[in-house]
Amino acid sequence: MADGDWRGMDRAALSRAYDNSGAVAGSSAFMAALRERSAAFRDARPGELDIPYGDGPRQRFDLFRCGKAGAPLLAFIHGGYWQRNAKDGFSALAEGPLARGLDVAMIGYTLCPEATMTALAAEIPAALASLRAVAAPPRLVVSGWSAGGHLAALAMTCPEVDAGLAVSGIFDLAPIRRTTLDDALHLSEDEVVALSPIRNLPGQAGPLIVAYGGNELPELCRQSQVYQAAWAGTGLPGDLLALPGDDHFTVLDQMIRPDGALTQAALRLAAG
């Protein structure tokens, strides 16, 4: 889909173009199963939970250690279109990286509309700075899925970040402002400009892998493809990782599994 095609859609059509839950049959069951698996993981492998990085009730992160001294850290930001879900429901994604020798942090953040997108985005650098201080990793890889992919891409400018893995993310907020998602986000034009990663490519950054499922909605595929092309076009290091057969939700299995493609990508980034 060409970059300008979304501009010809009306609000209803564009909303459907970004409706990941509606596009994937069984997505609610998948997320419920992930929450159950994450609860079991937290019971079986307690970590350092709910470490505050700010005063807000969601300004917390969980830290799970692999047991290896001096392990690199994968910091993961959950998705939910910036307005739902919580870090606790994604703890199972630590399974794969932990098994391969990475420490893992799960970052929480204040949801919209309680926070503006500007305030929400500012929480992630604060979390990463706190993680650096608490975990003291030799290398920090920031990652996230869906809305978390957007926030991970924005975080590539943070001095604490050595590399990034943005999964199924949104990298241009302009289409989102014209969907029903904006009923909770209330994006301003200034926020679209300031908080769209594709409009704010850094002059210098560590490597970024942009990953997405081959069976995702066309707009989600386009967002990843166009963003990575722009990133690479400025000479920044990184790769595009398409995962054939995966949709917006099953792509998460690629991090839960120790041999999954996302776990492997995280390992490459952590190795430097």
C-alpha atoms as a PDB file:
ATOM      1  CA  MET A   1       0.000   0.000   0.000  1.00  0.00           C
ATOM      2  CA  ALA A   2       1.434   3.352  -1.008  1.00  0.00           C
ATOM      3  CA  ASP A   3       2.175   5.846   1.734  1.00  0.00           C
ATOM      4  CA  GLY A   4      -0.619   8.190   0.689  1.00  0.00           C
ATOM      5  CA  ASP A   5      -3.377   5.582   0.271  1.00  0.00           C
ATOM      6  CA  TRP A   6      -4.588   5.883   3.863  1.00  0.00           C
ATOM      7  CA  ARG A   7      -5.372   9.545   3.245  1.00  0.00           C
ATOM      8  CA  GLY A   8      -8.144   8.504   0.872  1.00  0.00           C
ATOM      9  CA  MET A   9      -9.949   6.410   3.514  1.00  0.00           C
ATOM     10  CA  ASP A  10     -12.852   7.747   5.521  1.00  0.00           C
ATOM     11  CA  ARG A  11     -12.788   7.447   9.316  1.00  0.00           C
ATOM     12  CA  ALA A  12     -14.649   4.124   9.402  1.00  0.00           C
ATOM     13  CA  ALA A  13     -12.417   2.488   6.788  1.00  0.00           C
ATOM     14  CA  LEU A  14      -9.242   3.790   8.411  1.00  0.00           C
ATOM     15  CA  SER A  15     -10.425   2.583  11.818  1.00  0.00           C
ATOM     16  CA  ARG A  16     -10.910  -0.901  10.372  1.00  0.00           C
ATOM     17  CA  ALA A  17      -7.453  -0.707   8.811  1.00  0.00           C
ATOM     18  CA  TYR A  18      -5.976  -0.413  12.320  1.00  0.00           C
ATOM     19  CA  ASP A  19      -8.387  -2.737  14.145  1.00  0.00           C
ATOM     20  CA  ASN A  20      -6.006  -5.570  14.988  1.00  0.00           C
ATOM     21  CA  SER A  21      -8.413  -7.277  17.389  1.00  0.00           C
ATOM     22  CA  GLY A  22     -11.224  -7.228  14.859  1.00  0.00           C
ATOM     23  CA  ALA A  23      -8.980  -8.557  12.113  1.00  0.00           C
ATOM     24  CA  VAL A  24      -7.771 -11.625  14.024  1.00  0.00           C
ATOM     25  CA  ALA A  25     -10.338 -14.221  15.054  1.00  0.00           C
ATOM     26  CA  GLY A  26      -9.592 -15.447  18.554  1.00  0.00           C
ATOM     27  CA  SER A  27      -7.417 -12.473  19.477  1.00  0.00           C
ATOM     28  CA  SER A  28      -9.226 -11.955  22.792  1.00  0.00           C
ATOM     29  CA  ALA A  29      -8.704 -15.628  23.678  1.00  0.00           C
ATOM     30  CA  PHE A  30      -5.029 -15.322  22.751  1.00  0.00           C
ATOM     31  CA  MET A  31      -4.553 -12.341  25.049  1.00  0.00           C
ATOM     32  CA  ALA A  32      -6.464 -14.036  27.872  1.00  0.00           C
ATOM     33  CA  ALA A  33      -4.205 -17.090  27.544  1.00  0.00           C
ATOM     34  CA  LEU A  34      -1.147 -14.829  27.563  1.00  0.00           C
ATOM     35  CA  ARG A  35      -2.314 -13.192  30.790  1.00  0.00           C
ATOM     36  CA  GLU A  36      -2.839 -16.611  32.371  1.00  0.00           C
ATOM     37  CA  ARG A  37       0.586 -17.816  31.264  1.00  0.00           C
ATOM     38  CA  SER A  38       2.127 -14.595  32.543  1.00  0.00           C
ATOM     39  CA  ALA A  39       0.468 -15.034  35.954  1.00  0.00           C
ATOM     40  CA  ALA A  40       1.800 -18.594  36.154  1.00  0.00           C
ATOM     41  CA  PHE A  41       5.251 -17.369  35.158  1.00  0.00           C
ATOM     42  CA  ARG A  42       5.232 -14.731  37.890  1.00  0.00           C
ATOM     43  CA  ASP A  43       4.185 -17.334  40.456  1.00  0.00           C
ATOM     44  CA  ALA A  44       6.883 -19.796  39.375  1.00  0.00           C
ATOM     45  CA  ARG A  45       9.700 -17.304  38.889  1.00  0.00           C
ATOM     46  CA  PRO A  46       9.309 -14.273  41.131  1.00  0.00           C
ATOM     47  CA  GLY A  47      11.320 -11.267  40.089  1.00  0.00           C
ATOM     48  CA  GLU A  48      11.892  -7.816  41.479  1.00  0.00           C
ATOM     49  CA  LEU A  49       8.371  -6.556  40.967  1.00  0.00           C
ATOM     50  CA  ASP A  50       6.776  -3.123  40.784  1.00  0.00           C
ATOM     51  CA  ILE A  51       9.980  -1.117  41.138  1.00  0.00           C
ATOM     52  CA  PRO A  52       8.922   2.544  40.922  1.00  0.00           C
ATOM     53  CA  TYR A  53      10.463   4.969  38.459  1.00  0.00           C
ATOM     54  CA  GLY A  54       7.915   7.715  39.150  1.00  0.00           C
ATOM     55  CA  ASP A  55       5.017   8.602  41.418  1.00  0.00           C
ATOM     56  CA  GLY A  56       2.167   7.284  39.240  1.00  0.00           C
ATOM     57  CA  PRO A  57       0.587   3.903  40.078  1.00  0.00           C
ATOM     58  CA  ARG A  58       1.572   2.487  36.669  1.00  0.00           C
ATOM     59  CA  GLN A  59       5.059   3.994  36.687  1.00  0.00           C
ATOM     60  CA  ARG A  60       6.600   0.698  37.687  1.00  0.00           C
ATOM     61  CA  PHE A  61       8.721  -2.005  36.107  1.00  0.00           C
ATOM     62  CA  ASP A  62       9.347  -5.663  36.848  1.00  0.00           C
ATOM     63  CA  LEU A  63      12.867  -7.059  36.601  1.00  0.00           C
ATOM     64  CA  PHE A  64      13.568 -10.736  35.960  1.00  0.00           C
ATOM     65  CA  ARG A  65      17.162 -11.934  36.109  1.00  0.00           C
ATOM     66  CA  CYS A  66      18.547 -14.885  34.191  1.00  0.00           C
ATOM     67  CA  GLY A  67      21.098 -15.695  36.877  1.00  0.00           C
ATOM     68  CA  LYS A  68      24.162 -14.812  34.830  1.00  0.00           C
ATOM     69  CA  ALA A  69      26.350 -12.030  36.167  1.00  0.00           C
ATOM     70  CA  GLY A  70      26.729  -9.094  33.808  1.00  0.00           C
ATOM     71  CA  ALA A  71      23.849 -10.157  31.565  1.00  0.00           C
ATOM     72  CA  PRO A  72      22.511  -7.729  28.947  1.00  0.00           C
ATOM     73  CA  LEU A  73      19.020  -6.366  29.596  1.00  0.00           C
ATOM     74  CA  LEU A  74      15.961  -6.510  27.340  1.00  0.00           C
ATOM     75  CA  ALA A  75      13.482  -3.799  28.389  1.00  0.00           C
ATOM     76  CA  PHE A  76      10.009  -4.561  26.997  1.00  0.00           C
ATOM     77  CA  ILE A  77       7.113  -2.105  26.616  1.00  0.00           C
ATOM     78  CA  HIS A  78       3.634  -3.626  26.330  1.00  0.00           C
ATOM     79  CA  GLY A  79       1.015  -2.754  23.727  1.00  0.00           C
ATOM     80  CA  GLY A  80      -2.693  -1.954  23.767  1.00  0.00           C
ATOM     81  CA  TYR A  81      -2.969   1.139  21.563  1.00  0.00           C
ATOM     82  CA  TRP A  82      -1.705   3.290  24.464  1.00  0.00           C
ATOM     83  CA  GLN A  83      -5.020   2.852  26.326  1.00  0.00           C
ATOM     84  CA  ARG A  84      -5.263  -0.707  27.666  1.00  0.00           C
ATOM     85  CA  ASN A  85      -3.322  -3.692  29.056  1.00  0.00           C
ATOM     86  CA  ALA A  86      -0.609  -3.745  31.721  1.00  0.00           C
ATOM     87  CA  LYS A  87       2.937  -5.010  32.114  1.00  0.00           C
ATOM     88  CA  ASP A  88       1.816  -7.955  34.278  1.00  0.00           C
ATOM     89  CA  GLY A  89      -0.044  -9.543  31.372  1.00  0.00           C
ATOM     90  CA  PHE A  90       3.126  -9.790  29.285  1.00  0.00           C
ATOM     91  CA  SER A  91       5.515 -11.388  31.791  1.00  0.00           C
ATOM     92  CA  ALA A  92       5.542 -14.640  29.817  1.00  0.00           C
ATOM     93  CA  LEU A  93       7.472 -12.879  27.060  1.00  0.00           C
ATOM     94  CA  ALA A  94      10.478 -12.984  29.377  1.00  0.00           C
ATOM     95  CA  GLU A  95      10.643 -16.778  29.065  1.00  0.00           C
ATOM     96  CA  GLY A  96      12.564 -16.896  25.800  1.00  0.00           C
ATOM     97  CA  PRO A  97      15.160 -14.196  26.508  1.00  0.00           C
ATOM     98  CA  LEU A  98      15.761 -15.431  30.064  1.00  0.00           C
ATOM     99  CA  ALA A  99      16.451 -18.935  28.778  1.00  0.00           C
ATOM    100  CA  ARG A 100      19.060 -17.475  26.409  1.00  0.00           C
ATOM    101  CA  GLY A 101      20.969 -15.470  29.004  1.00  0.00           C
ATOM    102  CA  LEU A 102      19.282 -12.066  28.972  1.00  0.00           C
ATOM    103  CA  ASP A 103      17.802 -10.243  31.929  1.00  0.00           C
ATOM    104  CA  VAL A 104      14.330  -8.884  31.150  1.00  0.00           C
ATOM    105  CA  ALA A 105      12.378  -5.875  32.408  1.00  0.00           C
ATOM    106  CA  MET A 106       8.684  -5.272  31.796  1.00  0.00           C
ATOM    107  CA  ILE A 107       7.836  -1.564  31.783  1.00  0.00           C
ATOM    108  CA  GLY A 108       4.464  -0.166  32.827  1.00  0.00           C
ATOM    109  CA  TYR A 109       3.179   3.302  31.955  1.00  0.00           C
ATOM    110  CA  THR A 110       0.161   5.542  32.464  1.00  0.00           C
ATOM    111  CA  LEU A 111      -2.566   4.918  29.891  1.00  0.00           C
ATOM    112  CA  CYS A 112      -4.507   7.410  27.794  1.00  0.00           C
ATOM    113  CA  PRO A 113      -6.746   9.296  28.367  1.00  0.00           C
ATOM    114  CA  GLU A 114      -5.502   9.582  31.962  1.00  0.00           C
ATOM    115  CA  ALA A 115      -2.208  10.771  30.451  1.00  0.00           C
ATOM    116  CA  THR A 116      -1.692  12.668  27.245  1.00  0.00           C
ATOM    117  CA  MET A 117       0.459  10.991  24.616  1.00  0.00           C
ATOM    118  CA  THR A 118       3.150  13.563  25.372  1.00  0.00           C
ATOM    119  CA  ALA A 119       3.181  12.694  29.075  1.00  0.00           C
ATOM    120  CA  LEU A 120       3.000   8.952  28.371  1.00  0.00           C
ATOM    121  CA  ALA A 121       5.952   9.063  25.965  1.00  0.00           C
ATOM    122  CA  ALA A 122       8.023  10.960  28.536  1.00  0.00           C
ATOM    123  CA  GLU A 123       7.596   8.142  31.051  1.00  0.00           C
ATOM    124  CA  ILE A 124       9.636   5.653  29.011  1.00  0.00           C
ATOM    125  CA  PRO A 125      12.956   7.546  29.164  1.00  0.00           C
ATOM    126  CA  ALA A 126      12.445   7.889  32.926  1.00  0.00           C
ATOM    127  CA  ALA A 127      11.893   4.132  33.200  1.00  0.00           C
ATOM    128  CA  LEU A 128      14.996   3.380  31.150  1.00  0.00           C
ATOM    129  CA  ALA A 129      17.153   5.716  33.227  1.00  0.00           C
ATOM    130  CA  SER A 130      15.920   4.001  36.386  1.00  0.00           C
ATOM    131  CA  LEU A 131      16.563   0.573  34.879  1.00  0.00           C
ATOM    132  CA  ARG A 132      20.137   1.544  34.069  1.00  0.00           C
ATOM    133  CA  ALA A 133      20.642   2.581  37.671  1.00  0.00           C
ATOM    134  CA  VAL A 134      18.957  -0.484  39.206  1.00  0.00           C
ATOM    135  CA  ALA A 135      20.131  -3.258  36.875  1.00  0.00           C
ATOM    136  CA  ALA A 136      23.415  -1.752  35.630  1.00  0.00           C
ATOM    137  CA  PRO A 137      23.454  -3.862  32.451  1.00  0.00           C
ATOM    138  CA  PRO A 138      26.470  -3.776  30.134  1.00  0.00           C
ATOM    139  CA  ARG A 139      24.050  -3.384  27.229  1.00  0.00           C
ATOM    140  CA  LEU A 140      20.360  -2.389  27.130  1.00  0.00           C
ATOM    141  CA  VAL A 141      18.022  -3.348  24.294  1.00  0.00           C
ATOM    142  CA  VAL A 142      14.660  -1.575  24.303  1.00  0.00           C
ATOM    143  CA  SER A 143      11.758  -3.477  22.780  1.00  0.00           C
ATOM    144  CA  GLY A 144       8.006  -3.227  22.533  1.00  0.00           C
ATOM    145  CA  TRP A 145       4.978  -4.544  20.703  1.00  0.00           C
ATOM    146  CA  SER A 146       2.230  -2.575  18.940  1.00  0.00           C
ATOM    147  CA  ALA A 147       1.929   0.716  20.856  1.00  0.00           C
ATOM    148  CA  GLY A 148       5.013  -0.460  22.711  1.00  0.00           C
ATOM    149  CA  GLY A 149       6.795  -0.708  19.377  1.00  0.00           C
ATOM    150  CA  HIS A 150       6.056   2.980  18.847  1.00  0.00           C
ATOM    151  CA  LEU A 151       7.389   3.848  22.300  1.00  0.00           C
ATOM    152  CA  ALA A 152      10.491   1.695  21.784  1.00  0.00           C
ATOM    153  CA  ALA A 153      11.252   3.493  18.519  1.00  0.00           C
ATOM    154  CA  LEU A 154      10.936   6.874  20.233  1.00  0.00           C
ATOM    155  CA  ALA A 155      13.307   5.638  22.952  1.00  0.00           C
ATOM    156  CA  MET A 156      16.116   5.015  20.460  1.00  0.00           C
ATOM    157  CA  THR A 157      17.291   8.563  21.182  1.00  0.00           C
ATOM    158  CA  CYS A 158      17.733   7.852  24.910  1.00  0.00           C
ATOM    159  CA  PRO A 159      21.358   7.672  26.070  1.00  0.00           C
ATOM    160  CA  GLU A 160      20.560   4.542  28.087  1.00  0.00           C
ATOM    161  CA  VAL A 161      19.626   2.581  24.933  1.00  0.00           C
ATOM    162  CA  ASP A 162      22.205   0.580  22.969  1.00  0.00           C
ATOM    163  CA  ALA A 163      19.839  -1.100  20.484  1.00  0.00           C
ATOM    164  CA  GLY A 164      16.144  -1.609  19.768  1.00  0.00           C
ATOM    165  CA  LEU A 165      13.592  -4.185  18.639  1.00  0.00           C
ATOM    166  CA  ALA A 166      10.275  -2.622  17.601  1.00  0.00           C
ATOM    167  CA  VAL A 167       7.580  -5.247  16.962  1.00  0.00           C
ATOM    168  CA  SER A 168       4.366  -4.533  14.999  1.00  0.00           C
ATOM    169  CA  GLY A 169       4.631  -0.867  15.859  1.00  0.00           C
ATOM    170  CA  ILE A 170       3.041   2.409  14.812  1.00  0.00           C
ATOM    171  CA  PHE A 171       5.638   4.832  13.525  1.00  0.00           C
ATOM    172  CA  ASP A 172       3.468   7.580  12.065  1.00  0.00           C
ATOM    173  CA  LEU A 173       0.615   8.835  14.252  1.00  0.00           C
ATOM    174  CA  ALA A 174      -1.079  10.812  11.494  1.00  0.00           C
ATOM    175  CA  PRO A 175      -3.411   7.958  10.422  1.00  0.00           C
ATOM    176  CA  ILE A 176      -4.214   7.154  14.072  1.00  0.00           C
ATOM    177  CA  ARG A 177      -5.498  10.680  14.626  1.00  0.00           C
ATOM    178  CA  ARG A 178      -8.188  10.001  12.023  1.00  0.00           C
ATOM    179  CA  THR A 179      -9.436   6.736  13.591  1.00  0.00           C
ATOM    180  CA  THR A 180     -11.759   5.957  16.488  1.00  0.00           C
ATOM    181  CA  LEU A 181      -8.637   5.240  18.551  1.00  0.00           C
ATOM    182  CA  ASP A 182      -8.238   8.994  18.862  1.00  0.00           C
ATOM    183  CA  ASP A 183     -11.433   9.193  20.936  1.00  0.00           C
ATOM    184  CA  ALA A 184      -9.208   8.263  23.897  1.00  0.00           C
ATOM    185  CA  LEU A 185      -5.868   9.578  22.653  1.00  0.00           C
ATOM    186  CA  HIS A 186      -6.952  13.134  21.717  1.00  0.00           C
ATOM    187  CA  LEU A 187      -3.822  13.613  19.627  1.00  0.00           C
ATOM    188  CA  SER A 188      -2.939  17.150  18.656  1.00  0.00           C
ATOM    189  CA  GLU A 189      -1.241  18.009  15.379  1.00  0.00           C
ATOM    190  CA  ASP A 190       1.838  19.027  17.358  1.00  0.00           C
ATOM    191  CA  GLU A 191       1.909  15.588  19.006  1.00  0.00           C
ATOM    192  CA  VAL A 192       1.629  13.858  15.633  1.00  0.00           C
ATOM    193  CA  VAL A 193       4.699  15.768  14.489  1.00  0.00           C
ATOM    194  CA  ALA A 194       6.709  15.458  17.707  1.00  0.00           C
ATOM    195  CA  LEU A 195       5.854  11.861  18.618  1.00  0.00           C
ATOM    196  CA  SER A 196       5.911  10.067  15.256  1.00  0.00           C
ATOM    197  CA  PRO A 197       9.244   8.203  15.064  1.00  0.00           C
ATOM    198  CA  ILE A 198       9.350   8.461  11.269  1.00  0.00           C
ATOM    199  CA  ARG A 199       9.215  12.256  11.561  1.00  0.00           C
ATOM    200  CA  ASN A 200      12.000  12.361  14.146  1.00  0.00           C
ATOM    201  CA  LEU A 201      14.770  10.091  12.894  1.00  0.00           C
ATOM    202  CA  PRO A 202      17.889  10.530  15.039  1.00  0.00           C
ATOM    203  CA  GLY A 203      21.172  11.671  13.619  1.00  0.00           C
ATOM    204  CA  GLN A 204      22.884   8.800  15.383  1.00  0.00           C
ATOM    205  CA  ALA A 205      21.578   5.677  17.137  1.00  0.00           C
ATOM    206  CA  GLY A 206      22.316   2.043  17.813  1.00  0.00           C
ATOM    207  CA  PRO A 207      20.924  -0.721  15.617  1.00  0.00           C
ATOM    208  CA  LEU A 208      17.150  -1.095  15.379  1.00  0.00           C
ATOM    209  CA  ILE A 209      15.345  -4.196  14.125  1.00  0.00           C
ATOM    210  CA  VAL A 210      11.792  -3.472  12.949  1.00  0.00           C
ATOM    211  CA  ALA A 211       9.745  -6.692  13.043  1.00  0.00           C
ATOM    212  CA  TYR A 212       6.186  -7.498  12.016  1.00  0.00           C
ATOM    213  CA  GLY A 213       4.011 -10.483  11.174  1.00  0.00           C
ATOM    214  CA  GLY A 214       3.503 -11.301   7.523  1.00  0.00           C
ATOM    215  CA  ASN A 215      -0.220 -11.805   8.165  1.00  0.00           C
ATOM    216  CA  GLU A 216      -0.778  -8.438   9.844  1.00  0.00           C
ATOM    217  CA  LEU A 217      -3.149  -5.823   8.527  1.00  0.00           C
ATOM    218  CA  PRO A 218      -1.754  -4.051   5.441  1.00  0.00           C
ATOM    219  CA  GLU A 219      -1.475  -0.742   7.291  1.00  0.00           C
ATOM    220  CA  LEU A 220       0.588  -2.349  10.047  1.00  0.00           C
ATOM    221  CA  CYS A 221       2.885  -3.954   7.478  1.00  0.00           C
ATOM    222  CA  ARG A 222       3.201  -0.640   5.652  1.00  0.00           C
ATOM    223  CA  GLN A 223       4.045   1.261   8.820  1.00  0.00           C
ATOM    224  CA  SER A 224       6.953  -1.098   9.575  1.00  0.00           C
ATOM    225  CA  GLN A 225       8.208  -1.209   5.998  1.00  0.00           C
ATOM    226  CA  VAL A 226       8.123   2.543   5.435  1.00  0.00           C
ATOM    227  CA  TYR A 227       9.689   3.329   8.798  1.00  0.00           C
ATOM    228  CA  GLN A 228      12.558   0.884   8.416  1.00  0.00           C
ATOM    229  CA  ALA A 229      13.216   2.139   4.900  1.00  0.00           C
ATOM    230  CA  ALA A 230      13.399   5.706   6.222  1.00  0.00           C
ATOM    231  CA  TRP A 231      15.655   4.593   9.094  1.00  0.00           C
ATOM    232  CA  ALA A 232      18.024   2.769   6.763  1.00  0.00           C
ATOM    233  CA  GLY A 233      17.831   5.582   4.223  1.00  0.00           C
ATOM    234  CA  THR A 234      19.540   7.959   6.644  1.00  0.00           C
ATOM    235  CA  GLY A 235      22.377   5.477   7.158  1.00  0.00           C
ATOM    236  CA  LEU A 236      21.215   4.284  10.573  1.00  0.00           C
ATOM    237  CA  PRO A 237      22.006   0.603  11.344  1.00  0.00           C
ATOM    238  CA  GLY A 238      19.319  -2.046  11.521  1.00  0.00           C
ATOM    239  CA  ASP A 239      17.155  -4.531   9.666  1.00  0.00           C
ATOM    240  CA  LEU A 240      13.576  -5.292   8.672  1.00  0.00           C
ATOM    241  CA  LEU A 241      12.337  -8.632  10.020  1.00  0.00           C
ATOM    242  CA  ALA A 242       9.147 -10.000   8.468  1.00  0.00           C
ATOM    243  CA  LEU A 243       7.754 -13.090  10.192  1.00  0.00           C
ATOM    244  CA  PRO A 244       5.775 -15.115   7.630  1.00  0.00           C
ATOM    245  CA  GLY A 245       2.634 -16.768   8.955  1.00  0.00           C
ATOM    246  CA  ASP A 246       2.344 -14.621  12.081  1.00  0.00           C
ATOM    247  CA  ASP A 247      -0.434 -12.134  12.755  1.00  0.00           C
ATOM    248  CA  HIS A 248      -0.423  -9.196  15.157  1.00  0.00           C
ATOM    249  CA  PHE A 249      -0.857 -11.525  18.141  1.00  0.00           C
ATOM    250  CA  THR A 250       0.912 -14.784  17.298  1.00  0.00           C
ATOM    251  CA  VAL A 251       4.047 -12.762  16.611  1.00  0.00           C
ATOM    252  CA  LEU A 252       4.447 -12.623  20.402  1.00  0.00           C
ATOM    253  CA  ASP A 253       5.112 -16.364  20.463  1.00  0.00           C
ATOM    254  CA  GLN A 254       8.364 -15.575  18.675  1.00  0.00           C
ATOM    255  CA  MET A 255       9.647 -14.023  21.900  1.00  0.00           C
ATOM    256  CA  ILE A 256       8.090 -16.460  24.342  1.00  0.00           C
ATOM    257  CA  ARG A 257       9.971 -19.318  22.672  1.00  0.00           C
ATOM    258  CA  PRO A 258      13.717 -19.537  23.394  1.00  0.00           C
ATOM    259  CA  ASP A 259      14.251 -20.402  19.713  1.00  0.00           C
ATOM    260  CA  GLY A 260      11.765 -17.807  18.432  1.00  0.00           C
ATOM    261  CA  ALA A 261      12.759 -15.285  15.793  1.00  0.00           C
ATOM    262  CA  LEU A 262      12.266 -12.328  18.138  1.00  0.00           C
ATOM    263  CA  THR A 263      14.318 -13.964  20.872  1.00  0.00           C
ATOM    264  CA  GLN A 264      17.066 -14.559  18.313  1.00  0.00           C
ATOM    265  CA  ALA A 265      16.853 -10.930  17.193  1.00  0.00           C
ATOM    266  CA  ALA A 266      17.119  -9.723  20.780  1.00  0.00           C
ATOM    267  CA  LEU A 267      20.205 -11.882  21.272  1.00  0.00           C
ATOM    268  CA  ARG A 268      21.887 -10.416  18.193  1.00  0.00           C
ATOM    269  CA  LEU A 269      21.199  -6.897  19.414  1.00  0.00           C
ATOM    270  CA  ALA A 270      22.356  -7.692  22.936  1.00  0.00           C
ATOM    271  CA  ALA A 271      25.636  -9.081  21.600  1.00  0.00           C
ATOM    272  CA  GLY A 272      26.450  -5.759  19.944  1.00  0.00           C
END
